[in-house]
Amino acid sequence: MPVLDGEGRRLARHRLKFRKLPGLYGIVRLSPEVPVPSWATKGDFSAVTRTADELSVVCPAGNLPDGVRSRHRWMGLKLEGPFDFEQTGVLLSFIEPLSSNGVPIFAVSTHDTDYVFFRDDKSNAAFDLLREAGHKLIPSAAGTGK
């Protein structure tokens, strides 16, 4: 399905480079009142977001303690940024081929770039779809997502 602007014109997709984060990740929802657990912030990548409704944690799956479960194991990708805040459609260009083909994602944005997570059991399909859309997997430095 093409990406259209507000006037129905087809927008050019960004062709992005991305890296695979090492290992698998867990995504969990905790009560909004709990303090940020120490296990939530260890590893090459973690994200903690607190709202009035929840404390969301994305962290390496191996960090999850007994009693805290992620419904799925997630593979993480780092888009090669940084991206200027004025640049539009970056994340959309990356996730549209996935969402159009039934691959659920979880996205995390930072100041410099975006991270996209998809279920490990969808990884073969996800990589094929991203490649077909013109995105390019580049090697990560040994042991890091850099």
C-alpha atoms as a PDB file:
ATOM      1  CA  MET A   1       0.000   0.000   0.000  1.00  0.00           C
ATOM      2  CA  PRO A   2       1.566   3.350  -0.980  1.00  0.00           C
ATOM      3  CA  VAL A   3       2.185   6.079   1.563  1.00  0.00           C
ATOM      4  CA  LEU A   4       0.181   9.199   0.620  1.00  0.00           C
ATOM      5  CA  ASP A   5       0.363  12.813   1.734  1.00  0.00           C
ATOM      6  CA  GLY A   6      -2.670  14.829   2.888  1.00  0.00           C
ATOM      7  CA  GLU A   7      -3.633  15.555  -0.725  1.00  0.00           C
ATOM      8  CA  GLY A   8      -3.455  11.950  -1.911  1.00  0.00           C
ATOM      9  CA  ARG A   9      -0.043  12.223  -3.599  1.00  0.00           C
ATOM     10  CA  ARG A  10       2.322   9.307  -3.239  1.00  0.00           C
ATOM     11  CA  LEU A  11       5.258  10.081  -0.932  1.00  0.00           C
ATOM     12  CA  ALA A  12       8.734   8.780  -1.625  1.00  0.00           C
ATOM     13  CA  ARG A  13       9.836   6.267   0.981  1.00  0.00           C
ATOM     14  CA  HIS A  14      13.076   6.691   2.812  1.00  0.00           C
ATOM     15  CA  ARG A  15      15.580   3.906   2.169  1.00  0.00           C
ATOM     16  CA  LEU A  16      17.136   3.311   5.572  1.00  0.00           C
ATOM     17  CA  LYS A  17      20.114   1.478   6.984  1.00  0.00           C
ATOM     18  CA  PHE A  18      19.635  -0.436  10.203  1.00  0.00           C
ATOM     19  CA  ARG A  19      21.507  -2.672  12.623  1.00  0.00           C
ATOM     20  CA  LYS A  20      20.319  -5.658  14.629  1.00  0.00           C
ATOM     21  CA  LEU A  21      20.629  -5.289  18.387  1.00  0.00           C
ATOM     22  CA  PRO A  22      22.334  -8.233  20.094  1.00  0.00           C
ATOM     23  CA  GLY A  23      20.152 -10.861  21.760  1.00  0.00           C
ATOM     24  CA  LEU A  24      16.417 -10.892  22.374  1.00  0.00           C
ATOM     25  CA  TYR A  25      14.354  -8.403  24.359  1.00  0.00           C
ATOM     26  CA  GLY A  26      11.412  -8.445  26.711  1.00  0.00           C
ATOM     27  CA  ILE A  27       8.706  -5.789  26.742  1.00  0.00           C
ATOM     28  CA  VAL A  28       6.753  -5.568  29.986  1.00  0.00           C
ATOM     29  CA  ARG A  29       4.162  -3.389  31.656  1.00  0.00           C
ATOM     30  CA  LEU A  30       4.497  -2.660  35.370  1.00  0.00           C
ATOM     31  CA  SER A  31       2.364  -0.683  37.775  1.00  0.00           C
ATOM     32  CA  PRO A  32       2.873   3.083  37.443  1.00  0.00           C
ATOM     33  CA  GLU A  33       3.726   3.438  41.138  1.00  0.00           C
ATOM     34  CA  VAL A  34       6.713   1.075  41.272  1.00  0.00           C
ATOM     35  CA  PRO A  35      10.246   2.478  41.293  1.00  0.00           C
ATOM     36  CA  VAL A  36      12.313   1.749  38.173  1.00  0.00           C
ATOM     37  CA  PRO A  37      13.870  -1.669  38.847  1.00  0.00           C
ATOM     38  CA  SER A  38      17.644  -1.982  38.495  1.00  0.00           C
ATOM     39  CA  TRP A  39      17.272  -4.900  36.047  1.00  0.00           C
ATOM     40  CA  ALA A  40      15.338  -2.620  33.671  1.00  0.00           C
ATOM     41  CA  THR A  41      18.310  -0.397  32.836  1.00  0.00           C
ATOM     42  CA  LYS A  42      21.103  -2.921  32.224  1.00  0.00           C
ATOM     43  CA  GLY A  43      22.392  -3.911  28.785  1.00  0.00           C
ATOM     44  CA  ASP A  44      23.275  -2.327  25.445  1.00  0.00           C
ATOM     45  CA  PHE A  45      19.729  -1.021  25.078  1.00  0.00           C
ATOM     46  CA  SER A  46      16.916  -0.426  27.525  1.00  0.00           C
ATOM     47  CA  ALA A  47      13.969   1.936  27.555  1.00  0.00           C
ATOM     48  CA  VAL A  48      11.799   2.880  30.500  1.00  0.00           C
ATOM     49  CA  THR A  49       8.709   5.061  30.100  1.00  0.00           C
ATOM     50  CA  ARG A  50       6.444   6.104  32.943  1.00  0.00           C
ATOM     51  CA  THR A  51       2.940   7.459  32.449  1.00  0.00           C
ATOM     52  CA  ALA A  52       0.034   7.881  34.833  1.00  0.00           C
ATOM     53  CA  ASP A  53      -1.165   4.449  33.659  1.00  0.00           C
ATOM     54  CA  GLU A  54       1.949   2.295  33.473  1.00  0.00           C
ATOM     55  CA  LEU A  55       5.688   1.806  33.669  1.00  0.00           C
ATOM     56  CA  SER A  56       6.806   0.263  30.362  1.00  0.00           C
ATOM     57  CA  VAL A  57      10.162  -1.483  30.174  1.00  0.00           C
ATOM     58  CA  VAL A  58      12.111  -2.739  27.169  1.00  0.00           C
ATOM     59  CA  CYS A  59      15.271  -4.597  28.152  1.00  0.00           C
ATOM     60  CA  PRO A  60      17.301  -7.694  27.311  1.00  0.00           C
ATOM     61  CA  ALA A  61      15.085 -10.746  27.929  1.00  0.00           C
ATOM     62  CA  GLY A  62      17.729 -12.237  30.198  1.00  0.00           C
ATOM     63  CA  ASN A  63      17.324  -9.311  32.600  1.00  0.00           C
ATOM     64  CA  LEU A  64      13.727 -10.210  33.453  1.00  0.00           C
ATOM     65  CA  PRO A  65      13.549 -11.613  36.996  1.00  0.00           C
ATOM     66  CA  ASP A  66      11.347 -14.507  38.096  1.00  0.00           C
ATOM     67  CA  GLY A  67       7.732 -13.381  38.189  1.00  0.00           C
ATOM     68  CA  VAL A  68       8.121 -10.773  35.431  1.00  0.00           C
ATOM     69  CA  ARG A  69       7.193 -12.133  32.028  1.00  0.00           C
ATOM     70  CA  SER A  70       7.145 -10.791  28.517  1.00  0.00           C
ATOM     71  CA  ARG A  71       4.443 -12.419  26.347  1.00  0.00           C
ATOM     72  CA  HIS A  72       6.954 -12.670  23.492  1.00  0.00           C
ATOM     73  CA  ARG A  73      10.657 -12.438  22.832  1.00  0.00           C
ATOM     74  CA  TRP A  74      11.442  -9.459  20.634  1.00  0.00           C
ATOM     75  CA  MET A  75      14.234  -8.761  18.162  1.00  0.00           C
ATOM     76  CA  GLY A  76      15.459  -5.158  18.127  1.00  0.00           C
ATOM     77  CA  LEU A  77      16.651  -3.024  15.228  1.00  0.00           C
ATOM     78  CA  LYS A  78      18.376   0.352  15.426  1.00  0.00           C
ATOM     79  CA  LEU A  79      17.797   2.730  12.522  1.00  0.00           C
ATOM     80  CA  GLU A  80      20.950   4.527  11.456  1.00  0.00           C
ATOM     81  CA  GLY A  81      20.431   8.122  12.546  1.00  0.00           C
ATOM     82  CA  PRO A  82      20.595  10.733  13.669  1.00  0.00           C
ATOM     83  CA  PHE A  83      17.476  12.111  12.023  1.00  0.00           C
ATOM     84  CA  ASP A  84      16.612  15.786  12.077  1.00  0.00           C
ATOM     85  CA  PHE A  85      13.339  16.560  13.854  1.00  0.00           C
ATOM     86  CA  GLU A  86      12.139  18.311  10.683  1.00  0.00           C
ATOM     87  CA  GLN A  87      12.544  15.117   8.631  1.00  0.00           C
ATOM     88  CA  THR A  88       9.169  13.413   8.298  1.00  0.00           C
ATOM     89  CA  GLY A  89       8.144   9.885   7.430  1.00  0.00           C
ATOM     90  CA  VAL A  90      11.320   8.160   8.629  1.00  0.00           C
ATOM     91  CA  LEU A  91       9.704   5.707  11.027  1.00  0.00           C
ATOM     92  CA  LEU A  92       6.662   5.292   8.772  1.00  0.00           C
ATOM     93  CA  SER A  93       8.892   4.296   5.843  1.00  0.00           C
ATOM     94  CA  PHE A  94      10.441   1.569   7.952  1.00  0.00           C
ATOM     95  CA  ILE A  95       7.387   0.113   9.643  1.00  0.00           C
ATOM     96  CA  GLU A  96       4.852   0.376   6.803  1.00  0.00           C
ATOM     97  CA  PRO A  97       6.087  -2.758   4.985  1.00  0.00           C
ATOM     98  CA  LEU A  98       5.868  -4.649   8.275  1.00  0.00           C
ATOM     99  CA  SER A  99       2.437  -3.442   9.345  1.00  0.00           C
ATOM    100  CA  SER A 100       1.006  -3.917   5.840  1.00  0.00           C
ATOM    101  CA  ASN A 101       2.030  -7.560   6.039  1.00  0.00           C
ATOM    102  CA  GLY A 102       0.845  -8.413   9.550  1.00  0.00           C
ATOM    103  CA  VAL A 103       4.138  -8.076  11.448  1.00  0.00           C
ATOM    104  CA  PRO A 104       3.415  -6.384  14.802  1.00  0.00           C
ATOM    105  CA  ILE A 105       6.013  -3.877  15.982  1.00  0.00           C
ATOM    106  CA  PHE A 106       6.918  -1.910  19.089  1.00  0.00           C
ATOM    107  CA  ALA A 107       8.793   1.342  18.414  1.00  0.00           C
ATOM    108  CA  VAL A 108      10.965   3.406  20.726  1.00  0.00           C
ATOM    109  CA  SER A 109      12.258   6.818  19.700  1.00  0.00           C
ATOM    110  CA  THR A 110      15.257   8.603  21.150  1.00  0.00           C
ATOM    111  CA  HIS A 111      16.617  12.059  20.438  1.00  0.00           C
ATOM    112  CA  ASP A 112      18.836  10.735  17.626  1.00  0.00           C
ATOM    113  CA  THR A 113      17.083   7.734  16.134  1.00  0.00           C
ATOM    114  CA  ASP A 114      14.368   5.098  16.287  1.00  0.00           C
ATOM    115  CA  TYR A 115      14.408   1.500  17.466  1.00  0.00           C
ATOM    116  CA  VAL A 116      11.924  -1.021  16.132  1.00  0.00           C
ATOM    117  CA  PHE A 117      11.147  -4.318  17.824  1.00  0.00           C
ATOM    118  CA  PHE A 118       9.246  -7.236  16.320  1.00  0.00           C
ATOM    119  CA  ARG A 119       8.473 -10.677  17.665  1.00  0.00           C
ATOM    120  CA  ASP A 120      11.291 -13.156  17.220  1.00  0.00           C
ATOM    121  CA  ASP A 121       8.929 -15.646  15.555  1.00  0.00           C
ATOM    122  CA  LYS A 122       8.316 -13.057  12.797  1.00  0.00           C
ATOM    123  CA  SER A 123      12.006 -12.289  12.181  1.00  0.00           C
ATOM    124  CA  ASN A 124      12.458 -14.118   8.847  1.00  0.00           C
ATOM    125  CA  ALA A 125       9.404 -12.439   7.341  1.00  0.00           C
ATOM    126  CA  ALA A 126      10.381  -9.045   8.794  1.00  0.00           C
ATOM    127  CA  PHE A 127      13.899  -9.101   7.350  1.00  0.00           C
ATOM    128  CA  ASP A 128      12.579 -10.176   3.937  1.00  0.00           C
ATOM    129  CA  LEU A 129       9.965  -7.382   3.934  1.00  0.00           C
ATOM    130  CA  LEU A 130      12.478  -4.736   4.973  1.00  0.00           C
ATOM    131  CA  ARG A 131      14.941  -5.837   2.290  1.00  0.00           C
ATOM    132  CA  GLU A 132      12.179  -5.837  -0.372  1.00  0.00           C
ATOM    133  CA  ALA A 133      11.271  -2.269   0.679  1.00  0.00           C
ATOM    134  CA  GLY A 134      14.853  -1.145   0.000  1.00  0.00           C
ATOM    135  CA  HIS A 135      16.136  -0.981   3.575  1.00  0.00           C
ATOM    136  CA  LYS A 136      19.608  -2.339   4.274  1.00  0.00           C
ATOM    137  CA  LEU A 137      20.877  -4.372   7.217  1.00  0.00           C
ATOM    138  CA  ILE A 138      24.419  -3.345   8.074  1.00  0.00           C
ATOM    139  CA  PRO A 139      26.768  -5.215  10.388  1.00  0.00           C
ATOM    140  CA  SER A 140      26.956  -4.253  14.047  1.00  0.00           C
ATOM    141  CA  ALA A 141      30.256  -3.865  15.834  1.00  0.00           C
ATOM    142  CA  ALA A 142      30.998  -7.075  17.766  1.00  0.00           C
ATOM    143  CA  GLY A 143      28.858  -7.279  20.909  1.00  0.00           C
ATOM    144  CA  THR A 144      27.053  -3.962  20.431  1.00  0.00           C
ATOM    145  CA  GLY A 145      24.189  -2.392  18.540  1.00  0.00           C
ATOM    146  CA  LYS A 146      26.593   0.282  17.223  1.00  0.00           C
END
